[in-house]
Amino acid sequence: MSGSSTDARPPGGVDYIAVEGSPPFVELKRRHRSFVWPLTVAFLVWYFAYVLLSSFATEFMATRVWGDITVGLLLGLGQFVTTFAITMTYVSFANRRLDPVSAEIRGALEKQESGS
């Protein structure tokens, strides 16, 4: 009977627990976290600053900059600009720094799974 609980190899021939602890995978996670966490914290600070300003500094947010354009409107639009900028920055970072490592890991896993 194949696939019994006494087999040393898991189904598919890949020990994903071992892969998760491998140096390339650990490095991939480190690179991802070192980019994502600081950017997430910075954006949340920026977002909550906007929310708090709009709640507690209404006169400041209502300050007219030009015609009917107010500080609040500019900061609100800045939220959208920031979101798109973060997205584009992350995509660029992932293409340059994450995808090559993940492709290497994927290639090794596919080779291991095929038994080559």
PDB file of N, CA and C in Angstrom:
ATOM      1  N   MET A   1       0.846  -1.173   0.000  1.00  0.00           N
ATOM      2  CA  MET A   1       0.000   0.000   0.000  1.00  0.00           C
ATOM      3  C   MET A   1       0.895   1.241   0.000  1.00  0.00           C
ATOM      4  N   SER A   2       0.797   2.073  -1.024  1.00  0.00           N
ATOM      5  CA  SER A   2       1.628   3.265  -1.071  1.00  0.00           C
ATOM      6  C   SER A   2       0.954   4.377  -0.292  1.00  0.00           C
ATOM      7  N   GLY A   3       1.773   5.322   0.178  1.00  0.00           N
ATOM      8  CA  GLY A   3       1.246   6.468   0.909  1.00  0.00           C
ATOM      9  C   GLY A   3       0.936   6.163   2.362  1.00  0.00           C
ATOM     10  N   SER A   4       1.505   5.075   2.908  1.00  0.00           N
ATOM     11  CA  SER A   4       1.238   4.757   4.310  1.00  0.00           C
ATOM     12  C   SER A   4       1.916   5.787   5.202  1.00  0.00           C
ATOM     13  N   SER A   5       1.508   5.826   6.443  1.00  0.00           N
ATOM     14  CA  SER A   5       2.017   6.830   7.366  1.00  0.00           C
ATOM     15  C   SER A   5       3.477   6.594   7.725  1.00  0.00           C
ATOM     16  N   THR A   6       4.051   5.466   7.346  1.00  0.00           N
ATOM     17  CA  THR A   6       5.453   5.194   7.660  1.00  0.00           C
ATOM     18  C   THR A   6       6.395   5.640   6.557  1.00  0.00           C
ATOM     19  N   ASP A   7       5.855   6.130   5.419  1.00  0.00           N
ATOM     20  CA  ASP A   7       6.716   6.622   4.337  1.00  0.00           C
ATOM     21  C   ASP A   7       7.509   7.823   4.834  1.00  0.00           C
ATOM     22  N   ALA A   8       8.786   7.903   4.442  1.00  0.00           N
ATOM     23  CA  ALA A   8       9.642   9.011   4.853  1.00  0.00           C
ATOM     24  C   ALA A   8       9.318  10.272   4.064  1.00  0.00           C
ATOM     25  N   ARG A   9       8.867  10.088   2.836  1.00  0.00           N
ATOM     26  CA  ARG A   9       8.583  11.254   1.986  1.00  0.00           C
ATOM     27  C   ARG A   9       7.091  11.567   2.015  1.00  0.00           C
ATOM     28  N   PRO A  10       6.757  12.835   2.079  1.00  0.00           N
ATOM     29  CA  PRO A  10       5.346  13.210   2.047  1.00  0.00           C
ATOM     30  C   PRO A  10       4.775  13.021   0.645  1.00  0.00           C
ATOM     31  N   PRO A  11       3.456  13.045   0.500  1.00  0.00           N
ATOM     32  CA  PRO A  11       2.863  12.934  -0.833  1.00  0.00           C
ATOM     33  C   PRO A  11       3.420  14.016  -1.756  1.00  0.00           C
ATOM     34  N   GLY A  12       3.712  13.643  -2.976  1.00  0.00           N
ATOM     35  CA  GLY A  12       4.280  14.591  -3.932  1.00  0.00           C
ATOM     36  C   GLY A  12       5.792  14.669  -3.846  1.00  0.00           C
ATOM     37  N   GLY A  13       6.371  14.096  -2.821  1.00  0.00           N
ATOM     38  CA  GLY A  13       7.817  14.051  -2.708  1.00  0.00           C
ATOM     39  C   GLY A  13       8.479  15.319  -2.211  1.00  0.00           C
ATOM     40  N   VAL A  14       7.714  16.296  -1.745  1.00  0.00           N
ATOM     41  CA  VAL A  14       8.302  17.547  -1.284  1.00  0.00           C
ATOM     42  C   VAL A  14       7.980  17.735   0.192  1.00  0.00           C
ATOM     43  N   ASP A  15       9.004  17.953   0.984  1.00  0.00           N
ATOM     44  CA  ASP A  15       8.827  18.242   2.407  1.00  0.00           C
ATOM     45  C   ASP A  15       8.735  19.765   2.557  1.00  0.00           C
ATOM     46  N   TYR A  16       7.506  20.268   2.560  1.00  0.00           N
ATOM     47  CA  TYR A  16       7.294  21.712   2.581  1.00  0.00           C
ATOM     48  C   TYR A  16       7.719  22.351   3.900  1.00  0.00           C
ATOM     49  N   ILE A  17       7.696  21.597   4.974  1.00  0.00           N
ATOM     50  CA  ILE A  17       8.186  22.115   6.255  1.00  0.00           C
ATOM     51  C   ILE A  17       9.681  22.396   6.145  1.00  0.00           C
ATOM     52  N   ALA A  18      10.421  21.482   5.525  1.00  0.00           N
ATOM     53  CA  ALA A  18      11.860  21.683   5.332  1.00  0.00           C
ATOM     54  C   ALA A  18      12.118  22.851   4.390  1.00  0.00           C
ATOM     55  N   VAL A  19      11.296  22.976   3.358  1.00  0.00           N
ATOM     56  CA  VAL A  19      11.454  24.089   2.414  1.00  0.00           C
ATOM     57  C   VAL A  19      11.248  25.413   3.135  1.00  0.00           C
ATOM     58  N   GLU A  20      10.249  25.465   4.005  1.00  0.00           N
ATOM     59  CA  GLU A  20       9.965  26.692   4.744  1.00  0.00           C
ATOM     60  C   GLU A  20      11.142  27.117   5.615  1.00  0.00           C
ATOM     61  N   GLY A  21      11.916  26.162   6.095  1.00  0.00           N
ATOM     62  CA  GLY A  21      13.077  26.473   6.911  1.00  0.00           C
ATOM     63  C   GLY A  21      14.369  26.624   6.130  1.00  0.00           C
ATOM     64  N   SER A  22      14.307  26.434   4.814  1.00  0.00           N
ATOM     65  CA  SER A  22      15.524  26.511   4.006  1.00  0.00           C
ATOM     66  C   SER A  22      16.030  27.952   3.902  1.00  0.00           C
ATOM     67  N   PRO A  23      17.338  28.134   3.758  1.00  0.00           N
ATOM     68  CA  PRO A  23      17.906  29.486   3.664  1.00  0.00           C
ATOM     69  C   PRO A  23      17.286  30.356   2.561  1.00  0.00           C
ATOM     70  N   PRO A  24      17.039  29.827   1.337  1.00  0.00           N
ATOM     71  CA  PRO A  24      16.437  30.712   0.326  1.00  0.00           C
ATOM     72  C   PRO A  24      15.027  31.181   0.715  1.00  0.00           C
ATOM     73  N   PHE A  25      14.226  30.301   1.312  1.00  0.00           N
ATOM     74  CA  PHE A  25      12.868  30.681   1.693  1.00  0.00           C
ATOM     75  C   PHE A  25      12.886  31.660   2.863  1.00  0.00           C
ATOM     76  N   VAL A  26      13.770  31.428   3.822  1.00  0.00           N
ATOM     77  CA  VAL A  26      13.907  32.352   4.948  1.00  0.00           C
ATOM     78  C   VAL A  26      14.327  33.729   4.447  1.00  0.00           C
ATOM     79  N   GLU A  27      15.252  33.765   3.496  1.00  0.00           N
ATOM     80  CA  GLU A  27      15.691  35.037   2.909  1.00  0.00           C
ATOM     81  C   GLU A  27      14.546  35.724   2.167  1.00  0.00           C
ATOM     82  N   LEU A  28      13.748  34.948   1.444  1.00  0.00           N
ATOM     83  CA  LEU A  28      12.597  35.506   0.732  1.00  0.00           C
ATOM     84  C   LEU A  28      11.625  36.153   1.718  1.00  0.00           C
ATOM     85  N   LYS A  29      11.328  35.466   2.800  1.00  0.00           N
ATOM     86  CA  LYS A  29      10.422  36.022   3.814  1.00  0.00           C
ATOM     87  C   LYS A  29      11.028  37.273   4.454  1.00  0.00           C
ATOM     88  N   ARG A  30      12.329  37.243   4.720  1.00  0.00           N
ATOM     89  CA  ARG A  30      12.986  38.405   5.324  1.00  0.00           C
ATOM     90  C   ARG A  30      12.912  39.624   4.411  1.00  0.00           C
ATOM     91  N   ARG A  31      13.208  39.409   3.125  1.00  0.00           N
ATOM     92  CA  ARG A  31      13.134  40.516   2.167  1.00  0.00           C
ATOM     93  C   ARG A  31      11.726  41.090   2.089  1.00  0.00           C
ATOM     94  N   HIS A  32      10.751  40.194   2.044  1.00  0.00           N
ATOM     95  CA  HIS A  32       9.361  40.635   1.947  1.00  0.00           C
ATOM     96  C   HIS A  32       8.970  41.453   3.174  1.00  0.00           C
ATOM     97  N   ARG A  33       9.243  40.907   4.355  1.00  0.00           N
ATOM     98  CA  ARG A  33       8.879  41.612   5.592  1.00  0.00           C
ATOM     99  C   ARG A  33       9.617  42.935   5.738  1.00  0.00           C
ATOM    100  N   SER A  34      10.895  42.959   5.382  1.00  0.00           N
ATOM    101  CA  SER A  34      11.677  44.190   5.567  1.00  0.00           C
ATOM    102  C   SER A  34      11.191  45.312   4.660  1.00  0.00           C
ATOM    103  N   PHE A  35      10.487  44.976   3.598  1.00  0.00           N
ATOM    104  CA  PHE A  35       9.914  45.993   2.721  1.00  0.00           C
ATOM    105  C   PHE A  35       8.491  46.336   3.130  1.00  0.00           C
ATOM    106  N   VAL A  36       7.691  45.322   3.386  1.00  0.00           N
ATOM    107  CA  VAL A  36       6.258  45.524   3.606  1.00  0.00           C
ATOM    108  C   VAL A  36       5.951  46.179   4.946  1.00  0.00           C
ATOM    109  N   TRP A  37       6.572  45.729   6.015  1.00  0.00           N
ATOM    110  CA  TRP A  37       6.219  46.261   7.333  1.00  0.00           C
ATOM    111  C   TRP A  37       6.496  47.751   7.481  1.00  0.00           C
ATOM    112  N   PRO A  38       7.673  48.256   7.148  1.00  0.00           N
ATOM    113  CA  PRO A  38       7.883  49.701   7.282  1.00  0.00           C
ATOM    114  C   PRO A  38       6.913  50.523   6.422  1.00  0.00           C
ATOM    115  N   LEU A  39       6.654  50.042   5.219  1.00  0.00           N
ATOM    116  CA  LEU A  39       5.734  50.763   4.345  1.00  0.00           C
ATOM    117  C   LEU A  39       4.306  50.730   4.891  1.00  0.00           C
ATOM    118  N   THR A  40       3.919  49.611   5.454  1.00  0.00           N
ATOM    119  CA  THR A  40       2.586  49.488   6.050  1.00  0.00           C
ATOM    120  C   THR A  40       2.439  50.434   7.237  1.00  0.00           C
ATOM    121  N   VAL A  41       3.438  50.456   8.099  1.00  0.00           N
ATOM    122  CA  VAL A  41       3.392  51.336   9.269  1.00  0.00           C
ATOM    123  C   VAL A  41       3.339  52.795   8.822  1.00  0.00           C
ATOM    124  N   ALA A  42       4.180  53.164   7.864  1.00  0.00           N
ATOM    125  CA  ALA A  42       4.196  54.545   7.377  1.00  0.00           C
ATOM    126  C   ALA A  42       2.850  54.938   6.779  1.00  0.00           C
ATOM    127  N   PHE A  43       2.257  54.045   5.990  1.00  0.00           N
ATOM    128  CA  PHE A  43       0.971  54.380   5.390  1.00  0.00           C
ATOM    129  C   PHE A  43      -0.117  54.480   6.447  1.00  0.00           C
ATOM    130  N   LEU A  44      -0.123  53.589   7.426  1.00  0.00           N
ATOM    131  CA  LEU A  44      -1.156  53.659   8.468  1.00  0.00           C
ATOM    132  C   LEU A  44      -1.031  54.930   9.301  1.00  0.00           C
ATOM    133  N   VAL A  45       0.195  55.343   9.585  1.00  0.00           N
ATOM    134  CA  VAL A  45       0.388  56.614  10.300  1.00  0.00           C
ATOM    135  C   VAL A  45      -0.176  57.761   9.464  1.00  0.00           C
ATOM    136  N   TRP A  46       0.146  57.782   8.179  1.00  0.00           N
ATOM    137  CA  TRP A  46      -0.349  58.810   7.257  1.00  0.00           C
ATOM    138  C   TRP A  46      -1.872  58.777   7.184  1.00  0.00           C
ATOM    139  N   TYR A  47      -2.464  57.590   7.086  1.00  0.00           N
ATOM    140  CA  TYR A  47      -3.913  57.440   6.985  1.00  0.00           C
ATOM    141  C   TYR A  47      -4.606  57.915   8.265  1.00  0.00           C
ATOM    142  N   PHE A  48      -4.115  57.455   9.424  1.00  0.00           N
ATOM    143  CA  PHE A  48      -4.764  57.850  10.673  1.00  0.00           C
ATOM    144  C   PHE A  48      -4.535  59.330  10.979  1.00  0.00           C
ATOM    145  N   ALA A  49      -3.426  59.887  10.560  1.00  0.00           N
ATOM    146  CA  ALA A  49      -3.217  61.331  10.699  1.00  0.00           C
ATOM    147  C   ALA A  49      -4.285  62.077   9.914  1.00  0.00           C
ATOM    148  N   TYR A  50      -4.572  61.610   8.707  1.00  0.00           N
ATOM    149  CA  TYR A  50      -5.626  62.230   7.894  1.00  0.00           C
ATOM    150  C   TYR A  50      -6.985  62.118   8.581  1.00  0.00           C
ATOM    151  N   VAL A  51      -7.305  60.937   9.085  1.00  0.00           N
ATOM    152  CA  VAL A  51      -8.596  60.735   9.763  1.00  0.00           C
ATOM    153  C   VAL A  51      -8.690  61.618  11.003  1.00  0.00           C
ATOM    154  N   LEU A  52      -7.629  61.662  11.798  1.00  0.00           N
ATOM    155  CA  LEU A  52      -7.651  62.478  13.011  1.00  0.00           C
ATOM    156  C   LEU A  52      -7.735  63.968  12.689  1.00  0.00           C
ATOM    157  N   LEU A  53      -7.002  64.393  11.675  1.00  0.00           N
ATOM    158  CA  LEU A  53      -7.092  65.792  11.265  1.00  0.00           C
ATOM    159  C   LEU A  53      -8.501  66.149  10.804  1.00  0.00           C
ATOM    160  N   SER A  54      -9.103  65.262  10.036  1.00  0.00           N
ATOM    161  CA  SER A  54     -10.450  65.562   9.547  1.00  0.00           C
ATOM    162  C   SER A  54     -11.477  65.544  10.671  1.00  0.00           C
ATOM    163  N   SER A  55     -11.182  64.852  11.755  1.00  0.00           N
ATOM    164  CA  SER A  55     -12.110  64.798  12.888  1.00  0.00           C
ATOM    165  C   SER A  55     -11.881  65.921  13.893  1.00  0.00           C
ATOM    166  N   PHE A  56     -10.622  66.247  14.140  1.00  0.00           N
ATOM    167  CA  PHE A  56     -10.319  67.178  15.226  1.00  0.00           C
ATOM    168  C   PHE A  56      -9.699  68.502  14.789  1.00  0.00           C
ATOM    169  N   ALA A  57      -9.312  68.635  13.561  1.00  0.00           N
ATOM    170  CA  ALA A  57      -8.728  69.895  13.065  1.00  0.00           C
ATOM    171  C   ALA A  57      -9.532  70.370  11.863  1.00  0.00           C
ATOM    172  N   THR A  58     -10.823  70.489  12.069  1.00  0.00           N
ATOM    173  CA  THR A  58     -11.713  70.814  10.945  1.00  0.00           C
ATOM    174  C   THR A  58     -11.411  72.178  10.336  1.00  0.00           C
ATOM    175  N   GLU A  59     -11.034  73.135  11.180  1.00  0.00           N
ATOM    176  CA  GLU A  59     -10.718  74.463  10.624  1.00  0.00           C
ATOM    177  C   GLU A  59      -9.487  74.387   9.724  1.00  0.00           C
ATOM    178  N   PHE A  60      -8.479  73.645  10.165  1.00  0.00           N
ATOM    179  CA  PHE A  60      -7.273  73.477   9.339  1.00  0.00           C
ATOM    180  C   PHE A  60      -7.617  72.772   8.028  1.00  0.00           C
ATOM    181  N   MET A  61      -8.391  71.718   8.115  1.00  0.00           N
ATOM    182  CA  MET A  61      -8.748  70.953   6.913  1.00  0.00           C
ATOM    183  C   MET A  61      -9.626  71.774   5.970  1.00  0.00           C
ATOM    184  N   ALA A  62     -10.361  72.743   6.525  1.00  0.00           N
ATOM    185  CA  ALA A  62     -11.237  73.582   5.701  1.00  0.00           C
ATOM    186  C   ALA A  62     -10.514  74.803   5.131  1.00  0.00           C
ATOM    187  N   THR A  63      -9.244  74.932   5.442  1.00  0.00           N
ATOM    188  CA  THR A  63      -8.472  76.064   4.939  1.00  0.00           C
ATOM    189  C   THR A  63      -8.405  76.000   3.415  1.00  0.00           C
ATOM    190  N   ARG A  64      -8.804  77.096   2.787  1.00  0.00           N
ATOM    191  CA  ARG A  64      -8.793  77.146   1.323  1.00  0.00           C
ATOM    192  C   ARG A  64      -7.369  77.400   0.833  1.00  0.00           C
ATOM    193  N   VAL A  65      -6.980  76.599  -0.139  1.00  0.00           N
ATOM    194  CA  VAL A  65      -5.656  76.733  -0.725  1.00  0.00           C
ATOM    195  C   VAL A  65      -5.745  77.550  -2.011  1.00  0.00           C
ATOM    196  N   TRP A  66      -6.754  77.217  -2.807  1.00  0.00           N
ATOM    197  CA  TRP A  66      -6.960  77.904  -4.080  1.00  0.00           C
ATOM    198  C   TRP A  66      -8.416  77.707  -4.485  1.00  0.00           C
ATOM    199  N   GLY A  67      -9.176  78.764  -4.566  1.00  0.00           N
ATOM    200  CA  GLY A  67     -10.592  78.650  -4.905  1.00  0.00           C
ATOM    201  C   GLY A  67     -11.319  77.784  -3.892  1.00  0.00           C
ATOM    202  N   ASP A  68     -11.992  76.743  -4.390  1.00  0.00           N
ATOM    203  CA  ASP A  68     -12.706  75.827  -3.509  1.00  0.00           C
ATOM    204  C   ASP A  68     -11.862  74.628  -3.089  1.00  0.00           C
ATOM    205  N   ILE A  69     -10.592  74.644  -3.413  1.00  0.00           N
ATOM    206  CA  ILE A  69      -9.682  73.554  -3.044  1.00  0.00           C
ATOM    207  C   ILE A  69      -9.195  73.791  -1.618  1.00  0.00           C
ATOM    208  N   THR A  70      -9.441  72.803  -0.740  1.00  0.00           N
ATOM    209  CA  THR A  70      -9.051  72.930   0.663  1.00  0.00           C
ATOM    210  C   THR A  70      -7.889  71.983   0.991  1.00  0.00           C
ATOM    211  N   VAL A  71      -7.298  72.216   2.150  1.00  0.00           N
ATOM    212  CA  VAL A  71      -6.226  71.346   2.626  1.00  0.00           C
ATOM    213  C   VAL A  71      -6.753  69.918   2.747  1.00  0.00           C
ATOM    214  N   GLY A  72      -7.963  69.761   3.277  1.00  0.00           N
ATOM    215  CA  GLY A  72      -8.558  68.431   3.435  1.00  0.00           C
ATOM    216  C   GLY A  72      -8.710  67.704   2.114  1.00  0.00           C
ATOM    217  N   LEU A  73      -9.139  68.421   1.093  1.00  0.00           N
ATOM    218  CA  LEU A  73      -9.290  67.806  -0.228  1.00  0.00           C
ATOM    219  C   LEU A  73      -7.933  67.371  -0.773  1.00  0.00           C
ATOM    220  N   LEU A  74      -6.932  68.210  -0.625  1.00  0.00           N
ATOM    221  CA  LEU A  74      -5.597  67.859  -1.110  1.00  0.00           C
ATOM    222  C   LEU A  74      -5.024  66.658  -0.359  1.00  0.00           C
ATOM    223  N   LEU A  75      -5.209  66.637   0.961  1.00  0.00           N
ATOM    224  CA  LEU A  75      -4.722  65.494   1.730  1.00  0.00           C
ATOM    225  C   LEU A  75      -5.501  64.224   1.393  1.00  0.00           C
ATOM    226  N   GLY A  76      -6.790  64.353   1.141  1.00  0.00           N
ATOM    227  CA  GLY A  76      -7.598  63.193   0.741  1.00  0.00           C
ATOM    228  C   GLY A  76      -7.150  62.641  -0.599  1.00  0.00           C
ATOM    229  N   LEU A  77      -6.895  63.521  -1.543  1.00  0.00           N
ATOM    230  CA  LEU A  77      -6.379  63.078  -2.843  1.00  0.00           C
ATOM    231  C   LEU A  77      -4.979  62.477  -2.681  1.00  0.00           C
ATOM    232  N   GLY A  78      -4.233  63.031  -1.730  1.00  0.00           N
ATOM    233  CA  GLY A  78      -2.906  62.492  -1.444  1.00  0.00           C
ATOM    234  C   GLY A  78      -2.960  61.044  -0.971  1.00  0.00           C
ATOM    235  N   GLN A  79      -4.059  60.666  -0.317  1.00  0.00           N
ATOM    236  CA  GLN A  79      -4.227  59.270   0.102  1.00  0.00           C
ATOM    237  C   GLN A  79      -4.267  58.354  -1.122  1.00  0.00           C
ATOM    238  N   PHE A  80      -5.001  58.774  -2.142  1.00  0.00           N
ATOM    239  CA  PHE A  80      -5.076  57.965  -3.366  1.00  0.00           C
ATOM    240  C   PHE A  80      -3.722  57.907  -4.063  1.00  0.00           C
ATOM    241  N   VAL A  81      -3.064  59.042  -4.155  1.00  0.00           N
ATOM    242  CA  VAL A  81      -1.748  59.090  -4.799  1.00  0.00           C
ATOM    243  C   VAL A  81      -0.770  58.182  -4.049  1.00  0.00           C
ATOM    244  N   THR A  82      -0.798  58.250  -2.729  1.00  0.00           N
ATOM    245  CA  THR A  82       0.082  57.416  -1.918  1.00  0.00           C
ATOM    246  C   THR A  82      -0.200  55.931  -2.140  1.00  0.00           C
ATOM    247  N   THR A  83      -1.474  55.561  -2.206  1.00  0.00           N
ATOM    248  CA  THR A  83      -1.839  54.161  -2.423  1.00  0.00           C
ATOM    249  C   THR A  83      -1.283  53.655  -3.745  1.00  0.00           C
ATOM    250  N   PHE A  84      -1.458  54.423  -4.805  1.00  0.00           N
ATOM    251  CA  PHE A  84      -0.929  54.017  -6.110  1.00  0.00           C
ATOM    252  C   PHE A  84       0.595  53.980  -6.111  1.00  0.00           C
ATOM    253  N   ALA A  85       1.225  54.939  -5.444  1.00  0.00           N
ATOM    254  CA  ALA A  85       2.688  54.966  -5.387  1.00  0.00           C
ATOM    255  C   ALA A  85       3.225  53.745  -4.635  1.00  0.00           C
ATOM    256  N   ILE A  86       2.573  53.397  -3.537  1.00  0.00           N
ATOM    257  CA  ILE A  86       2.998  52.218  -2.772  1.00  0.00           C
ATOM    258  C   ILE A  86       2.835  50.967  -3.621  1.00  0.00           C
ATOM    259  N   THR A  87       1.716  50.866  -4.323  1.00  0.00           N
ATOM    260  CA  THR A  87       1.479  49.691  -5.168  1.00  0.00           C
ATOM    261  C   THR A  87       2.549  49.568  -6.244  1.00  0.00           C
ATOM    262  N   MET A  88       2.836  50.649  -6.932  1.00  0.00           N
ATOM    263  CA  MET A  88       3.849  50.617  -7.991  1.00  0.00           C
ATOM    264  C   MET A  88       5.236  50.308  -7.423  1.00  0.00           C
ATOM    265  N   THR A  89       5.533  50.860  -6.250  1.00  0.00           N
ATOM    266  CA  THR A  89       6.824  50.600  -5.618  1.00  0.00           C
ATOM    267  C   THR A  89       6.946  49.138  -5.225  1.00  0.00           C
ATOM    268  N   TYR A  90       5.865  48.573  -4.673  1.00  0.00           N
ATOM    269  CA  TYR A  90       5.905  47.169  -4.284  1.00  0.00           C
ATOM    270  C   TYR A  90       6.058  46.256  -5.498  1.00  0.00           C
ATOM    271  N   VAL A  91       5.343  46.538  -6.562  1.00  0.00           N
ATOM    272  CA  VAL A  91       5.453  45.714  -7.764  1.00  0.00           C
ATOM    273  C   VAL A  91       6.881  45.744  -8.301  1.00  0.00           C
ATOM    274  N   SER A  92       7.463  46.916  -8.326  1.00  0.00           N
ATOM    275  CA  SER A  92       8.850  47.040  -8.787  1.00  0.00           C
ATOM    276  C   SER A  92       9.802  46.260  -7.869  1.00  0.00           C
ATOM    277  N   PHE A  93       9.619  46.411  -6.563  1.00  0.00           N
ATOM    278  CA  PHE A  93      10.448  45.696  -5.598  1.00  0.00           C
ATOM    279  C   PHE A  93      10.294  44.187  -5.766  1.00  0.00           C
ATOM    280  N   ALA A  94       9.057  43.723  -5.883  1.00  0.00           N
ATOM    281  CA  ALA A  94       8.804  42.282  -6.024  1.00  0.00           C
ATOM    282  C   ALA A  94       9.439  41.751  -7.305  1.00  0.00           C
ATOM    283  N   ASN A  95       9.316  42.489  -8.391  1.00  0.00           N
ATOM    284  CA  ASN A  95       9.911  42.047  -9.655  1.00  0.00           C
ATOM    285  C   ASN A  95      11.429  41.927  -9.558  1.00  0.00           C
ATOM    286  N   ARG A  96      12.056  42.874  -8.862  1.00  0.00           N
ATOM    287  CA  ARG A  96      13.518  42.893  -8.786  1.00  0.00           C
ATOM    288  C   ARG A  96      14.076  41.990  -7.700  1.00  0.00           C
ATOM    289  N   ARG A  97      13.434  41.966  -6.519  1.00  0.00           N
ATOM    290  CA  ARG A  97      14.052  41.339  -5.354  1.00  0.00           C
ATOM    291  C   ARG A  97      13.377  40.048  -4.873  1.00  0.00           C
ATOM    292  N   LEU A  98      12.083  39.891  -5.144  1.00  0.00           N
ATOM    293  CA  LEU A  98      11.379  38.708  -4.642  1.00  0.00           C
ATOM    294  C   LEU A  98      11.194  37.637  -5.711  1.00  0.00           C
ATOM    295  N   ASP A  99      10.806  38.052  -6.897  1.00  0.00           N
ATOM    296  CA  ASP A  99      10.507  37.078  -7.945  1.00  0.00           C
ATOM    297  C   ASP A  99      11.694  36.194  -8.325  1.00  0.00           C
ATOM    298  N   PRO A 100      12.923  36.725  -8.428  1.00  0.00           N
ATOM    299  CA  PRO A 100      14.040  35.828  -8.763  1.00  0.00           C
ATOM    300  C   PRO A 100      14.253  34.732  -7.715  1.00  0.00           C
ATOM    301  N   VAL A 101      14.134  35.087  -6.444  1.00  0.00           N
ATOM    302  CA  VAL A 101      14.322  34.094  -5.384  1.00  0.00           C
ATOM    303  C   VAL A 101      13.178  33.090  -5.393  1.00  0.00           C
ATOM    304  N   SER A 102      11.958  33.571  -5.565  1.00  0.00           N
ATOM    305  CA  SER A 102      10.815  32.646  -5.577  1.00  0.00           C
ATOM    306  C   SER A 102      10.871  31.733  -6.806  1.00  0.00           C
ATOM    307  N   ALA A 103      11.352  32.236  -7.922  1.00  0.00           N
ATOM    308  CA  ALA A 103      11.490  31.385  -9.117  1.00  0.00           C
ATOM    309  C   ALA A 103      12.537  30.297  -8.879  1.00  0.00           C
ATOM    310  N   GLU A 104      13.598  30.663  -8.186  1.00  0.00           N
ATOM    311  CA  GLU A 104      14.637  29.681  -7.858  1.00  0.00           C
ATOM    312  C   GLU A 104      14.071  28.593  -6.941  1.00  0.00           C
ATOM    313  N   ILE A 105      13.321  28.996  -5.932  1.00  0.00           N
ATOM    314  CA  ILE A 105      12.705  28.035  -5.001  1.00  0.00           C
ATOM    315  C   ILE A 105      11.707  27.155  -5.747  1.00  0.00           C
ATOM    316  N   ARG A 106      10.879  27.773  -6.574  1.00  0.00           N
ATOM    317  CA  ARG A 106       9.880  27.018  -7.349  1.00  0.00           C
ATOM    318  C   ARG A 106      10.557  26.003  -8.264  1.00  0.00           C
ATOM    319  N   GLY A 107      11.622  26.414  -8.937  1.00  0.00           N
ATOM    320  CA  GLY A 107      12.348  25.514  -9.827  1.00  0.00           C
ATOM    321  C   GLY A 107      12.900  24.317  -9.078  1.00  0.00           C
ATOM    322  N   ALA A 108      13.476  24.581  -7.897  1.00  0.00           N
ATOM    323  CA  ALA A 108      14.019  23.477  -7.091  1.00  0.00           C
ATOM    324  C   ALA A 108      12.915  22.534  -6.625  1.00  0.00           C
ATOM    325  N   LEU A 109      11.763  23.100  -6.264  1.00  0.00           N
ATOM    326  CA  LEU A 109      10.641  22.266  -5.818  1.00  0.00           C
ATOM    327  C   LEU A 109      10.083  21.414  -6.966  1.00  0.00           C
ATOM    328  N   GLU A 110       9.965  22.022  -8.154  1.00  0.00           N
ATOM    329  CA  GLU A 110       9.472  21.274  -9.307  1.00  0.00           C
ATOM    330  C   GLU A 110      10.435  20.148  -9.682  1.00  0.00           C
ATOM    331  N   LYS A 111      11.719  20.442  -9.593  1.00  0.00           N
ATOM    332  CA  LYS A 111      12.727  19.415  -9.881  1.00  0.00           C
ATOM    333  C   LYS A 111      12.659  18.301  -8.856  1.00  0.00           C
ATOM    334  N   GLN A 112      12.508  18.671  -7.597  1.00  0.00           N
ATOM    335  CA  GLN A 112      12.406  17.670  -6.521  1.00  0.00           C
ATOM    336  C   GLN A 112      11.123  16.848  -6.665  1.00  0.00           C
ATOM    337  N   GLU A 113      10.028  17.485  -7.031  1.00  0.00           N
ATOM    338  CA  GLU A 113       8.759  16.783  -7.163  1.00  0.00           C
ATOM    339  C   GLU A 113       8.772  15.796  -8.330  1.00  0.00           C
ATOM    340  N   SER A 114       9.460  16.186  -9.404  1.00  0.00           N
ATOM    341  CA  SER A 114       9.517  15.295 -10.560  1.00  0.00           C
ATOM    342  C   SER A 114      10.499  14.131 -10.341  1.00  0.00           C
ATOM    343  N   GLY A 115      11.304  14.249  -9.283  1.00  0.00           N
ATOM    344  CA  GLY A 115      12.237  13.169  -8.980  1.00  0.00           C
ATOM    345  C   GLY A 115      13.542  13.258  -9.725  1.00  0.00           C
ATOM    346  N   SER A 116      13.797  14.378 -10.372  1.00  0.00           N
ATOM    347  CA  SER A 116      15.055  14.539 -11.140  1.00  0.00           C
ATOM    348  C   SER A 116      16.214  14.860 -10.249  1.00  0.00           C
TER     349      SER A 116
END
